[in-house]
Amino acid sequence: MDIFHEHLVLFLQKDGLPLFCSIDLPVQIDFQEPKELGDFAPWFFPIPSNLCSILPGPNNDFMSSTFRLVVSSPVIPDLTVDYDMRKKTFTIVDQEEVTGLCSSIYTVGQSNVSSIQQNLQLIEDSQSWSDLSKLLSCERVQVVSHDGVSIPLVILYSREAHIHGESPGILYGYGAYGEDLDKSWCSDRLSLLARGWVLAFADVRYSLMPVVFFQLTGLHFPIIIQYFPTHLTTYCSMRNCAFSFDELDY
């Protein structure tokens, strides 16, 4: 939560996904009965995808009506966005430059790569979200753990380099301290994606340091698992995620 002279900003989650909204102050409402969030006419900040990671920027001016966020996803390089809470509009201030894209890596024409770079440079004028979804596929599925708990699994791969049923995979898992696994944009992944690897991110539970790598047998294609152990539930959840990942037949 953050508070300003004329606005209250709430940090929310819905189905495990982040949401930000603002409420105009002062609140003109009768509090004699319990109220729902919708009773306060909140403005939910527009974001490009429900898979985005959202981090508040430096918002130190109490009198300001602008709230800055950094928005990112596995296919969207970091966006710096200013949300005008008074006018209910947004302005894209900047987007991280994408490097490492070339025709030899993603087997796409140089014209396509140039088009992507041009789009990233023109976002401030066009006010449209720019992403790499034409090159990279990113989806969120639910898999069931050993104890029946549903675990979100985000799967990322290159549309060009991925070979169905043959590409190797890496499954990342983290679940300590109520924090989700970081799934924001990371250019370090481009090398693996360019080689056809499938990357999956599982938000499991009860995990702590140190990091462990292992590989399960009995899978249709090789999956290297990175997770943070010391709790049986973590291991079982990661194991179930691995077999579910395999059964999804990527």
Protein backbone atom coordinates (compact mmCIF):
# COMPACT_ATOMS: atom_id res chain seq x y z
CA MET A 1 0.00 0.00 0.00
CA ASP A 2 1.12 3.56 -0.72
CA ILE A 3 -0.67 6.79 0.11
CA PHE A 4 -0.63 10.21 -1.55
CA HIS A 5 -2.43 13.50 -1.02
CA GLU A 6 -5.35 12.57 -3.29
CA HIS A 7 -4.87 8.84 -3.92
CA LEU A 8 -4.43 5.51 -2.19
CA VAL A 9 -2.51 2.81 -4.09
CA LEU A 10 -3.17 -0.83 -3.22
CA PHE A 11 -0.94 -3.78 -4.09
CA LEU A 12 -3.18 -6.81 -4.63
CA GLN A 13 -3.10 -10.39 -5.85
CA LYS A 14 -5.77 -12.32 -7.72
CA ASP A 15 -5.27 -16.02 -8.45
CA GLY A 16 -1.62 -15.58 -7.52
CA LEU A 17 -1.11 -12.75 -10.02
CA PRO A 18 -0.21 -9.14 -9.09
CA LEU A 19 -2.61 -6.21 -9.43
CA PHE A 20 -2.26 -2.52 -8.66
CA CYS A 21 -5.12 -0.07 -8.26
CA SER A 22 -5.71 3.46 -7.00
CA ILE A 23 -8.60 4.91 -5.00
CA ASP A 24 -9.38 8.62 -4.95
CA LEU A 25 -9.08 10.40 -1.60
CA PRO A 26 -10.82 11.52 0.48
CA VAL A 27 -13.25 8.62 0.40
CA GLN A 28 -16.87 9.77 0.36
CA ILE A 29 -18.63 6.66 1.64
CA ASP A 30 -20.60 5.47 4.66
CA PHE A 31 -18.49 3.04 6.70
CA GLN A 32 -21.25 1.84 8.99
CA GLU A 33 -21.41 -1.42 7.02
CA PRO A 34 -18.63 -3.64 5.60
CA LYS A 35 -17.52 -2.58 2.13
CA GLU A 36 -16.07 -4.38 -0.87
CA LEU A 37 -13.18 -3.01 -2.89
CA GLY A 38 -15.53 -2.26 -5.78
CA ASP A 39 -17.48 0.15 -3.56
CA PHE A 40 -14.51 2.54 -3.71
CA ALA A 41 -14.46 2.78 -7.53
CA PRO A 42 -10.84 1.63 -7.88
CA TRP A 43 -8.85 2.23 -11.06
CA PHE A 44 -6.85 -0.89 -11.91
CA PHE A 45 -3.59 -0.03 -13.62
CA PRO A 46 -3.53 -1.45 -17.17
CA ILE A 47 -0.77 -4.02 -17.70
CA PRO A 48 0.16 -5.86 -20.90
CA SER A 49 -0.27 -9.40 -19.58
CA ASN A 50 -1.46 -11.28 -16.51
CA LEU A 51 1.98 -12.93 -16.43
CA CYS A 52 3.74 -9.67 -15.61
CA SER A 53 5.98 -8.97 -12.66
CA ILE A 54 5.28 -5.51 -11.24
CA LEU A 55 7.61 -3.49 -9.02
CA PRO A 56 6.99 0.03 -7.68
CA GLY A 57 9.46 2.67 -8.77
CA PRO A 58 10.61 5.68 -6.74
CA ASN A 59 7.36 7.38 -5.71
CA ASN A 60 8.50 9.84 -3.06
CA ASP A 61 6.38 12.91 -3.85
CA PHE A 62 3.35 12.87 -1.54
CA MET A 63 1.59 15.56 -3.59
CA SER A 64 2.02 13.75 -6.91
CA SER A 65 -0.84 12.11 -8.80
CA THR A 66 1.58 9.95 -10.82
CA PHE A 67 2.64 6.48 -9.73
CA ARG A 68 5.61 4.81 -11.41
CA LEU A 69 5.89 1.04 -11.93
CA VAL A 70 8.39 -1.25 -13.61
CA VAL A 71 6.45 -3.88 -15.56
CA SER A 72 8.09 -6.99 -16.97
CA SER A 73 7.38 -10.57 -18.07
CA PRO A 74 9.30 -13.47 -19.64
CA VAL A 75 8.50 -12.00 -23.09
CA ILE A 76 8.31 -8.28 -22.23
CA PRO A 77 11.55 -6.40 -21.55
CA ASP A 78 11.34 -4.11 -18.53
CA LEU A 79 8.87 -1.26 -19.04
CA THR A 80 8.94 1.89 -16.93
CA VAL A 81 5.37 3.19 -16.83
CA ASP A 82 3.90 6.31 -15.22
CA TYR A 83 0.24 5.98 -14.23
CA ASP A 84 -1.68 9.24 -13.88
CA MET A 85 -4.18 8.43 -11.13
CA ARG A 86 -6.10 11.68 -11.62
CA LYS A 87 -6.64 11.32 -15.39
CA LYS A 88 -6.70 7.49 -15.35
CA THR A 89 -4.10 7.31 -18.12
CA PHE A 90 -0.60 5.92 -18.44
CA THR A 91 2.63 6.94 -20.17
CA ILE A 92 5.39 4.52 -21.15
CA VAL A 93 8.61 6.23 -20.14
CA ASP A 94 11.20 3.69 -21.20
CA GLN A 95 11.74 0.06 -22.17
CA GLU A 96 14.88 -2.01 -21.75
CA GLU A 97 16.85 -2.40 -24.95
CA VAL A 98 16.87 -5.95 -26.28
CA THR A 99 20.25 -7.32 -27.29
CA GLY A 100 21.27 -10.75 -28.50
CA LEU A 101 18.59 -11.08 -31.16
CA CYS A 102 19.91 -11.92 -34.61
CA SER A 103 18.87 -14.04 -37.55
CA SER A 104 21.49 -16.70 -36.80
CA ILE A 105 20.10 -17.23 -33.30
CA TYR A 106 16.36 -17.25 -33.85
CA THR A 107 16.33 -18.12 -37.56
CA VAL A 108 14.12 -15.14 -38.28
CA GLY A 109 14.76 -12.66 -41.04
CA GLN A 110 16.79 -9.56 -40.34
CA SER A 111 13.76 -7.48 -41.30
CA ASN A 112 11.78 -9.05 -38.44
CA VAL A 113 14.54 -8.31 -35.94
CA SER A 114 14.79 -4.72 -37.17
CA SER A 115 11.02 -4.38 -36.85
CA ILE A 116 11.15 -5.50 -33.22
CA GLN A 117 13.92 -3.04 -32.41
CA GLN A 118 12.04 -0.22 -34.13
CA ASN A 119 8.90 -1.04 -32.16
CA LEU A 120 10.85 -0.89 -28.91
CA GLN A 121 12.20 2.54 -29.86
CA LEU A 122 8.78 3.93 -30.78
CA ILE A 123 6.81 2.83 -27.72
CA GLU A 124 6.87 6.27 -26.12
CA ASP A 125 5.07 7.73 -29.13
CA SER A 126 2.71 4.85 -29.84
CA GLN A 127 1.89 4.04 -26.18
CA SER A 128 1.52 0.39 -27.14
CA TRP A 129 2.99 -2.53 -25.24
CA SER A 130 5.96 -4.04 -27.08
CA ASP A 131 6.87 -7.65 -26.49
CA LEU A 132 8.62 -10.59 -28.12
CA SER A 133 5.61 -12.91 -28.20
CA LYS A 134 6.09 -13.49 -31.93
CA LEU A 135 9.45 -15.05 -31.12
CA LEU A 136 8.80 -16.51 -27.68
CA SER A 137 5.83 -18.46 -26.38
CA CYS A 138 4.87 -17.98 -22.73
CA GLU A 139 1.90 -19.60 -21.01
CA ARG A 140 0.68 -20.34 -17.50
CA VAL A 141 -0.85 -23.68 -16.57
CA GLN A 142 -1.91 -25.28 -13.30
CA VAL A 143 -0.49 -28.65 -12.24
CA VAL A 144 -1.54 -30.72 -9.23
CA SER A 145 0.99 -31.53 -6.51
CA HIS A 146 1.21 -34.81 -4.58
CA ASP A 147 -1.18 -33.47 -1.92
CA GLY A 148 -3.76 -32.10 -4.35
CA VAL A 149 -2.61 -28.48 -4.17
CA SER A 150 -2.64 -26.60 -7.47
CA ILE A 151 0.77 -25.18 -8.46
CA PRO A 152 1.19 -22.46 -11.13
CA LEU A 153 3.65 -23.44 -13.85
CA VAL A 154 4.87 -20.84 -16.37
CA ILE A 155 6.37 -22.33 -19.54
CA LEU A 156 8.64 -20.39 -21.91
CA TYR A 157 10.22 -21.43 -25.22
CA SER A 158 11.30 -20.11 -28.62
CA ARG A 159 8.69 -20.58 -31.33
CA GLU A 160 11.45 -21.07 -33.91
CA ALA A 161 14.11 -23.11 -32.09
CA HIS A 162 11.81 -25.36 -30.06
CA ILE A 163 11.39 -28.92 -31.41
CA HIS A 164 8.19 -30.53 -30.18
CA GLY A 165 8.86 -33.60 -28.06
CA GLU A 166 12.65 -33.34 -28.46
CA SER A 167 13.74 -30.11 -26.80
CA PRO A 168 15.39 -30.41 -23.36
CA GLY A 169 13.91 -28.55 -20.42
CA ILE A 170 14.85 -26.77 -17.21
CA LEU A 171 12.39 -26.56 -14.33
CA TYR A 172 13.00 -23.79 -11.79
CA GLY A 173 11.30 -23.85 -8.40
CA TYR A 174 11.09 -21.53 -5.42
CA GLY A 175 8.59 -21.07 -2.65
CA ALA A 176 10.13 -19.58 0.48
CA TYR A 177 8.85 -16.69 2.59
CA GLY A 178 5.65 -16.30 0.58
CA GLU A 179 7.59 -14.99 -2.42
CA ASP A 180 6.93 -16.06 -6.00
CA LEU A 181 9.72 -17.16 -8.32
CA ASP A 182 11.09 -14.22 -10.30
CA LYS A 183 9.71 -14.53 -13.83
CA SER A 184 10.51 -11.05 -15.08
CA TRP A 185 12.43 -10.42 -18.30
CA CYS A 186 15.98 -11.80 -18.27
CA SER A 187 18.21 -11.54 -21.35
CA ASP A 188 20.43 -14.30 -19.92
CA ARG A 189 17.75 -16.81 -20.96
CA LEU A 190 18.06 -15.96 -24.65
CA SER A 191 21.01 -18.28 -25.21
CA LEU A 192 19.15 -21.34 -23.88
CA LEU A 193 15.94 -20.43 -25.69
CA ALA A 194 17.84 -19.97 -28.93
CA ARG A 195 19.10 -23.54 -28.58
CA GLY A 196 15.59 -24.91 -28.25
CA TRP A 197 15.40 -25.33 -24.47
CA VAL A 198 12.02 -25.17 -22.74
CA LEU A 199 12.08 -23.23 -19.46
CA ALA A 200 9.44 -23.78 -16.78
CA PHE A 201 8.94 -21.88 -13.51
CA ALA A 202 7.07 -23.53 -10.62
CA ASP A 203 5.87 -21.61 -7.56
CA VAL A 204 6.14 -24.42 -5.01
CA ARG A 205 6.11 -24.16 -1.20
CA TYR A 206 8.35 -24.44 1.88
CA SER A 207 11.71 -24.15 0.19
CA LEU A 208 14.98 -22.83 1.58
CA MET A 209 18.64 -22.65 0.56
CA PRO A 210 20.88 -24.11 -0.79
CA VAL A 211 20.21 -24.63 -4.48
CA VAL A 212 20.18 -28.18 -5.84
CA PHE A 213 20.28 -29.50 -9.39
CA PHE A 214 19.08 -33.00 -10.21
CA GLN A 215 17.58 -34.94 -13.10
CA LEU A 216 14.68 -37.37 -12.88
CA THR A 217 14.54 -40.64 -14.76
CA GLY A 218 11.48 -42.02 -16.49
CA LEU A 219 10.72 -38.84 -18.42
CA HIS A 220 10.17 -38.60 -22.16
CA PHE A 221 12.74 -35.82 -22.52
CA PRO A 222 15.56 -34.60 -20.25
CA ILE A 223 14.53 -32.10 -17.57
CA ILE A 224 17.11 -30.54 -15.27
CA ILE A 225 15.51 -29.36 -12.03
CA GLN A 226 16.75 -26.43 -9.97
CA TYR A 227 15.09 -25.95 -6.60
CA PHE A 228 15.70 -24.97 -2.99
CA PRO A 229 15.37 -28.03 -0.70
CA THR A 230 15.26 -28.94 3.05
CA HIS A 231 11.54 -29.73 3.11
CA LEU A 232 9.89 -32.92 1.85
CA THR A 233 6.91 -30.98 0.46
CA THR A 234 9.27 -28.96 -1.73
CA TYR A 235 10.87 -32.07 -3.19
CA CYS A 236 7.53 -33.81 -3.77
CA SER A 237 6.02 -30.69 -5.34
CA MET A 238 8.99 -30.25 -7.66
CA ARG A 239 8.90 -33.93 -8.60
CA ASN A 240 5.19 -33.73 -9.44
CA CYS A 241 5.77 -30.54 -11.43
CA ALA A 242 8.50 -32.30 -13.41
CA PHE A 243 6.28 -35.24 -14.35
CA SER A 244 3.37 -32.90 -15.13
CA PHE A 245 5.72 -30.79 -17.25
CA ASP A 246 6.74 -33.95 -19.09
CA GLU A 247 3.13 -35.06 -19.60
CA LEU A 248 2.28 -31.69 -21.16
CA ASP A 249 4.40 -32.94 -24.07
CA TYR A 250 6.47 -29.92 -25.00
